Protein backbone atom coordinates (compact mmCIF):
# COMPACT_ATOMS: atom_id res chain seq x y z
CA MET A 1 25.28 9.98 13.40
CA ILE A 2 23.39 6.88 14.55
CA LEU A 3 21.79 4.11 12.47
CA LYS A 4 19.35 2.26 14.72
CA ALA A 5 17.56 -1.03 14.11
CA PRO A 6 13.96 -1.53 15.36
CA ILE A 7 13.62 -2.27 19.09
CA ALA A 8 10.44 -3.81 20.52
CA THR A 9 8.74 -2.20 23.55
CA PRO A 10 6.52 -4.27 25.90
CA GLN A 11 2.88 -3.14 26.13
CA GLY A 12 1.38 -2.11 29.44
CA LYS A 13 4.26 -3.39 31.60
CA GLY A 14 8.01 -3.96 31.68
CA TYR A 15 10.79 -1.50 30.96
CA LYS A 16 10.28 1.94 29.47
CA SER A 17 10.67 2.41 25.72
CA LEU A 18 14.33 2.36 24.75
CA ASN A 19 13.40 4.34 21.63
CA VAL A 20 11.98 7.21 23.70
CA THR A 21 14.90 6.99 26.15
CA LEU A 22 17.42 7.41 23.33
CA ARG A 23 15.53 10.38 21.87
CA LYS A 24 15.28 12.15 25.24
CA SER A 25 18.81 11.50 26.46
CA LEU A 26 20.38 12.58 23.15
CA GLY A 27 18.16 15.65 22.70
CA LEU A 28 16.58 14.40 19.46
CA PHE A 29 13.69 16.84 19.47
CA SER A 30 12.39 16.41 15.91
CA ASN A 31 11.06 13.21 14.33
CA VAL A 32 10.64 13.49 10.54
CA HIS A 33 8.40 11.06 8.65
CA PRO A 34 8.80 11.46 4.89
CA TYR A 35 6.47 10.77 2.00
CA VAL A 36 6.16 7.21 0.66
CA GLU A 37 4.09 5.89 -2.26
CA THR A 38 0.52 5.00 -1.19
CA HIS A 39 -2.90 4.39 -2.70
CA TYR A 40 -3.15 8.18 -3.15
CA PRO A 41 -0.94 9.11 -6.14
CA ASP A 42 -1.12 12.86 -5.43
CA MET A 43 -0.02 12.49 -1.81
CA ASP A 44 3.30 14.05 -0.80
CA VAL A 45 3.25 14.66 2.96
CA VAL A 46 6.06 15.17 5.48
CA ILE A 47 5.15 14.83 9.17
CA ILE A 48 7.36 16.62 11.70
CA ARG A 49 6.67 15.42 15.22
CA GLU A 50 8.03 16.71 18.52
CA ASN A 51 10.14 13.95 20.00
CA GLU A 52 11.27 14.72 23.57
CA LYS A 53 8.54 16.10 25.79
CA TYR A 54 4.78 16.24 26.25
CA LEU A 55 2.96 12.95 26.89
CA TYR A 56 5.89 10.81 25.76
CA SER A 57 7.95 12.06 28.67
CA GLY A 58 6.42 9.05 30.41
CA ILE A 59 5.75 10.88 33.70
CA GLU A 60 2.98 8.76 35.24
CA HIS A 61 1.69 8.39 38.80
CA GLN A 62 -0.56 5.98 40.65
CA GLN A 63 -2.65 8.41 42.69
CA THR A 64 -4.96 5.89 44.33
CA GLN A 65 -5.89 2.27 43.82
CA ASP A 66 -8.36 3.36 41.16
CA VAL A 67 -6.73 6.47 39.67
CA VAL A 68 -3.61 6.90 37.55
CA GLN A 69 -2.25 10.15 36.12
CA CYS A 70 -0.07 11.09 33.14
CA LEU A 71 1.53 14.55 32.93
CA LYS A 72 1.61 16.46 29.66
CA LEU A 73 4.43 18.99 29.89
CA PHE A 74 4.83 21.75 27.27
CA THR A 75 7.63 24.34 27.26
CA CYS A 76 8.10 27.51 25.22
CA PRO A 77 11.64 26.55 24.11
CA GLY A 78 10.47 23.06 23.09
CA CYS A 79 7.50 24.37 21.11
CA GLU A 80 9.57 27.02 19.35
CA LYS A 81 12.32 24.56 18.48
CA ILE A 82 10.03 22.05 16.75
CA VAL A 83 7.90 24.68 15.00
CA ARG A 84 10.96 26.52 13.73
CA TYR A 85 12.45 23.23 12.53
CA ALA A 86 9.28 22.63 10.48
CA PHE A 87 9.60 26.02 8.78
CA GLU A 88 13.33 25.57 8.22
CA TYR A 89 12.68 22.12 6.72
CA ALA A 90 10.04 23.55 4.39
CA LYS A 91 12.40 26.33 3.33
CA ALA A 92 15.33 23.95 2.69
CA TYR A 93 13.30 21.40 0.71
CA ASN A 94 11.06 23.75 -1.30
CA ARG A 95 7.87 22.97 0.59
CA LYS A 96 5.03 25.49 0.29
CA LYS A 97 2.67 24.98 3.23
CA ILE A 98 2.78 23.96 6.91
CA THR A 99 -0.22 22.72 8.88
CA CYS A 100 -0.16 22.72 12.68
CA MET A 101 -2.42 20.08 14.31
CA VAL A 102 -3.44 20.65 17.95
CA LYS A 103 -6.35 20.13 20.35
CA ASP A 104 -6.43 23.55 22.00
CA ASN A 105 -10.20 23.76 21.96
CA ILE A 106 -10.01 21.33 24.91
CA MET A 107 -6.43 21.55 26.28
CA LYS A 108 -6.22 25.32 26.22
CA LEU A 109 -2.95 25.72 28.15
CA THR A 110 -0.77 22.87 26.82
CA ASP A 111 -1.91 22.59 23.22
CA GLY A 112 -2.75 26.29 23.43
CA LEU A 113 0.93 27.10 24.05
CA PHE A 114 2.00 25.00 21.05
CA HIS A 115 -0.57 26.79 18.86
CA THR A 116 0.41 30.24 20.15
CA VAL A 117 4.08 29.63 19.30
CA PHE A 118 3.09 28.30 15.87
CA LYS A 119 1.22 31.52 15.11
CA GLU A 120 4.27 33.65 16.03
CA ILE A 121 6.83 32.00 13.70
CA PRO A 122 5.28 32.40 10.18
CA ALA A 123 6.05 36.13 10.06
CA GLU A 124 9.72 35.17 9.56
CA TYR A 125 8.85 32.90 6.60
CA PRO A 126 6.46 34.92 4.41
CA GLU A 127 6.99 32.61 1.42
CA ILE A 128 5.44 29.65 3.29
CA ILE A 129 1.67 29.29 3.82
CA SER A 130 0.65 28.36 7.37
CA GLU A 131 -2.62 27.00 8.74
CA SER A 132 -3.92 25.31 11.89
CA GLN A 133 -6.39 22.45 12.40
CA ILE A 134 -7.89 20.56 15.31
CA ILE A 135 -6.15 17.17 15.38
CA ASN A 136 -9.26 14.97 15.06
CA ILE A 137 -10.57 16.94 12.08
CA GLY A 138 -7.10 17.07 10.55
CA SER A 139 -6.70 13.30 10.94
CA ALA A 140 -9.99 12.68 9.14
CA ARG A 141 -9.00 15.04 6.32
CA LEU A 142 -5.56 13.44 6.07
CA THR A 143 -7.25 10.06 5.64
CA ALA A 144 -9.72 11.26 3.00
CA SER A 145 -7.67 13.86 1.11
CA PRO A 146 -3.95 13.61 1.93
CA GLU A 147 -3.04 15.60 -1.18
CA ARG A 148 -4.23 18.80 0.57
CA TYR A 149 -1.26 18.59 2.99
CA ASP A 150 2.41 19.39 2.49
CA VAL A 151 4.21 19.58 5.86
CA ILE A 152 2.43 18.80 9.14
CA VAL A 153 3.92 19.80 12.52
CA THR A 154 2.49 18.50 15.78
CA SER A 155 3.31 17.09 19.22
CA ASN A 156 4.55 13.55 19.78
CA LEU A 157 1.38 11.50 20.41
CA TYR A 158 -0.56 13.15 17.59
CA GLY A 159 2.41 12.76 15.25
CA ASP A 160 2.81 9.10 16.16
CA ILE A 161 -0.80 8.42 15.20
CA ILE A 162 -1.03 10.45 12.00
CA SER A 163 2.27 9.10 10.66
CA ASP A 164 0.68 5.64 10.68
CA ILE A 165 -2.53 7.05 9.20
CA ALA A 166 -0.41 8.43 6.36
CA GLY A 167 0.79 4.89 5.62
CA SER A 168 4.47 5.26 6.42
CA ALA A 169 4.81 2.11 8.57
CA GLY A 170 6.83 -0.59 6.81
CA MET A 171 8.22 1.29 3.81
CA ALA A 172 9.68 4.48 5.22
CA GLY A 173 12.56 5.49 7.40
CA SER A 174 12.41 8.28 9.93
CA ALA A 175 14.90 10.84 11.17
CA ASN A 176 15.35 11.88 14.81
CA ILE A 177 17.13 15.22 14.67
CA GLY A 178 18.88 17.07 17.48
CA LEU A 179 21.21 20.07 17.54
CA ASN A 180 24.33 17.88 17.86
CA VAL A 181 23.18 14.31 17.20
CA ALA A 182 20.98 12.66 14.56
CA MET A 183 19.53 9.13 14.68
CA PHE A 184 17.89 7.32 11.79
CA GLU A 185 15.58 4.32 12.10
CA ALA A 186 13.00 2.37 10.13
CA ILE A 187 9.38 2.95 11.16
CA HIS A 188 8.46 -0.75 11.07
CA GLY A 189 8.72 -2.92 14.19
CA SER A 190 11.28 -5.55 15.14
CA ALA A 191 9.27 -8.47 13.58
CA PRO A 192 11.00 -11.36 15.39
CA ASP A 193 8.62 -13.86 13.75
CA ILE A 194 10.33 -13.46 10.36
CA THR A 195 13.95 -13.20 11.54
CA GLY A 196 16.35 -15.10 9.29
CA LYS A 197 13.74 -15.98 6.65
CA LYS A 198 14.97 -13.38 4.12
CA ILE A 199 11.42 -12.23 3.38
CA ALA A 200 11.51 -8.79 5.04
CA ASN A 201 11.11 -5.69 2.90
CA PRO A 202 14.41 -3.73 3.21
CA SER A 203 12.79 -0.50 1.94
CA GLY A 204 12.51 1.02 5.43
CA LEU A 205 16.25 0.53 6.01
CA MET A 206 17.10 1.86 2.55
CA ASN A 207 14.99 4.96 3.08
CA LEU A 208 16.50 5.70 6.49
CA LEU A 209 19.95 5.54 4.86
CA VAL A 210 18.71 7.98 2.22
CA MET A 211 17.59 10.33 4.98
CA MET A 212 20.97 10.08 6.68
CA LEU A 213 22.79 10.93 3.44
CA SER A 214 20.44 13.88 3.01
CA HIS A 215 21.21 15.12 6.52
CA LEU A 216 24.91 14.92 5.67
CA GLY A 217 24.31 17.08 2.57
CA MET A 218 25.06 14.27 0.07
CA THR A 219 21.99 15.10 -1.99
CA ASP A 220 23.36 13.87 -5.34
CA MET A 221 23.88 10.42 -3.81
CA VAL A 222 20.41 10.62 -2.23
CA ASP A 223 18.80 11.16 -5.63
CA LYS A 224 20.77 8.30 -7.17
CA VAL A 225 19.80 5.76 -4.50
CA LYS A 226 16.18 6.90 -4.04
CA ASN A 227 15.49 6.91 -7.79
CA ALA A 228 16.96 3.40 -8.11
CA TRP A 229 14.63 2.26 -5.33
CA LEU A 230 11.66 3.93 -7.06
CA CYS A 231 12.60 2.19 -10.32
CA ALA A 232 12.63 -1.21 -8.62
CA ILE A 233 9.18 -0.56 -7.13
CA GLU A 234 7.88 0.79 -10.44
CA ASP A 235 9.21 -2.24 -12.36
CA GLY A 236 7.15 -4.56 -10.17
CA CYS A 237 9.96 -6.13 -8.12
CA HIS A 238 8.04 -6.54 -4.87
CA THR A 239 8.57 -8.36 -1.58
CA ALA A 240 5.70 -10.40 -0.13
CA ASP A 241 4.30 -7.57 2.03
CA ILE A 242 3.44 -5.41 -1.01
CA TYR A 243 3.11 -8.08 -3.71
CA LYS A 244 -0.26 -8.04 -5.51
CA GLU A 245 -1.41 -10.36 -8.27
CA GLY A 246 -2.00 -8.51 -11.54
CA ILE A 247 0.05 -5.49 -10.43
CA SER A 248 3.38 -6.89 -9.25
CA LYS A 249 5.60 -8.56 -11.84
CA LYS A 250 8.09 -10.45 -9.69
CA LEU A 251 7.98 -11.76 -6.12
CA VAL A 252 11.43 -11.29 -4.60
CA ASN A 253 13.03 -11.83 -1.20
CA THR A 254 15.14 -9.38 0.79
CA VAL A 255 18.39 -10.07 -1.03
CA LYS A 256 16.93 -10.09 -4.54
CA PHE A 257 15.10 -6.81 -3.95
CA THR A 258 18.35 -5.24 -2.77
CA TYR A 259 20.13 -6.38 -5.95
CA ALA A 260 17.21 -5.05 -8.02
CA VAL A 261 17.86 -1.60 -6.53
CA ILE A 262 21.62 -1.87 -7.12
CA GLU A 263 21.06 -2.81 -10.78
CA ARG A 264 19.01 0.36 -11.29
CA LEU A 265 21.49 2.86 -9.86
CA GLY A 266 21.73 5.77 -12.30
CA LYS A 267 18.18 5.32 -13.62
CA VAL A 268 15.09 7.43 -12.90
CA PRO A 269 11.47 6.26 -12.65
CA THR A 270 9.02 6.81 -15.51
CA ASN A 271 5.70 7.10 -13.67
CA LEU A 272 6.62 7.72 -10.03
CA PRO A 273 7.89 11.23 -9.18
CA VAL A 274 11.64 11.55 -9.74
CA ASN A 275 13.52 12.33 -6.54
CA GLN A 276 15.24 15.72 -6.91
CA LEU A 277 16.45 16.50 -3.42
CA SER A 278 19.65 17.97 -4.84
CA LYS A 279 17.57 20.94 -6.04
CA GLY A 280 16.79 21.93 -2.45
CA VAL A 281 18.28 25.16 -1.18
CA GLY A 282 19.90 26.26 2.05
CA LYS A 283 20.41 24.52 5.38
CA ILE A 284 18.23 24.01 8.42
CA VAL A 285 19.30 26.45 11.13
CA ILE A 286 17.75 26.45 14.61
CA PRO A 287 18.82 29.52 16.63
CA PRO A 288 18.97 29.39 20.45
CA PHE A 289 15.73 30.13 22.25
CA VAL A 290 15.48 33.73 23.46
CA ARG A 291 12.84 34.37 26.08
CA LYS A 292 10.65 37.38 25.31
CA GLU A 293 10.50 39.92 28.11
CA LYS A 294 7.00 40.37 29.44
CA LYS A 295 5.79 43.79 30.48
CA GLN A 296 4.95 43.77 34.17
CA GLU A 297 2.84 46.45 35.77
CA LEU A 298 2.09 46.90 39.45
CA ILE A 299 -1.39 48.19 40.15
CA PHE A 300 -2.50 49.48 43.55
CA GLY A 301 -6.16 49.33 44.41
CA LEU A 302 -8.13 50.72 47.35
CA PHE A 303 -11.22 49.12 48.79
CA LEU A 304 -13.62 51.79 50.11
């Protein structure tokens, strides 16, 4: 189990992303972005994003002085692993619907493979509704009507974008899940400009700890901590990044917000949805990939 602080990545030059390097080298194939409170009160979306391959493999080439190339690699085992994880997650946490977002009207082989695998898996989970959408249309719908979504599964670049569209940056943690290792990190950046000022919102770090406890099966503790956090938010104890005149009741710094959460341990929110993760059922199980045998037929033809 790994708890990871935010690490900055230089734009356009410098070393490769250490975040991506960790995910690839440790086999952390699934990135889970949970629901956080937003301007849409009926929104409750979980985004499950492939974490290892595809465009974020970082395989780039300088072909000529004027041409650069980036490879987008899809594999059957990788697609099946992330899609199955999405269905297993929905099953374990009482989710009802999964939406796959792809762009296979243009990228018919790469995104087409992801979509093909997605259409094969639902037969094993008849209790879960499945649907597919083109990523640009899905992104627009997610922006306008996020309450129509439950669980979204997609590849890494698309998932990176729509997780920010969903408003998770700053407040939420995220889980990077592998078969043998799990890493938890806040979605917000490293923010060196506010280091040591005690004004940062610790919610992202609190929520990544909640996700880690959930992964360990400590769901009663998860509910206790998450509901205390919700109570602090609901009672108007807000750090500067979310403080609003007329809505917030008390402007607090990092330390005071943390104590506000501690003081509310054992309480449940009145207006915000009560966290009830302990009512989830089952465990997430990802079986080994088994390649399907293709029927091969040799045909002889004569040219007359």
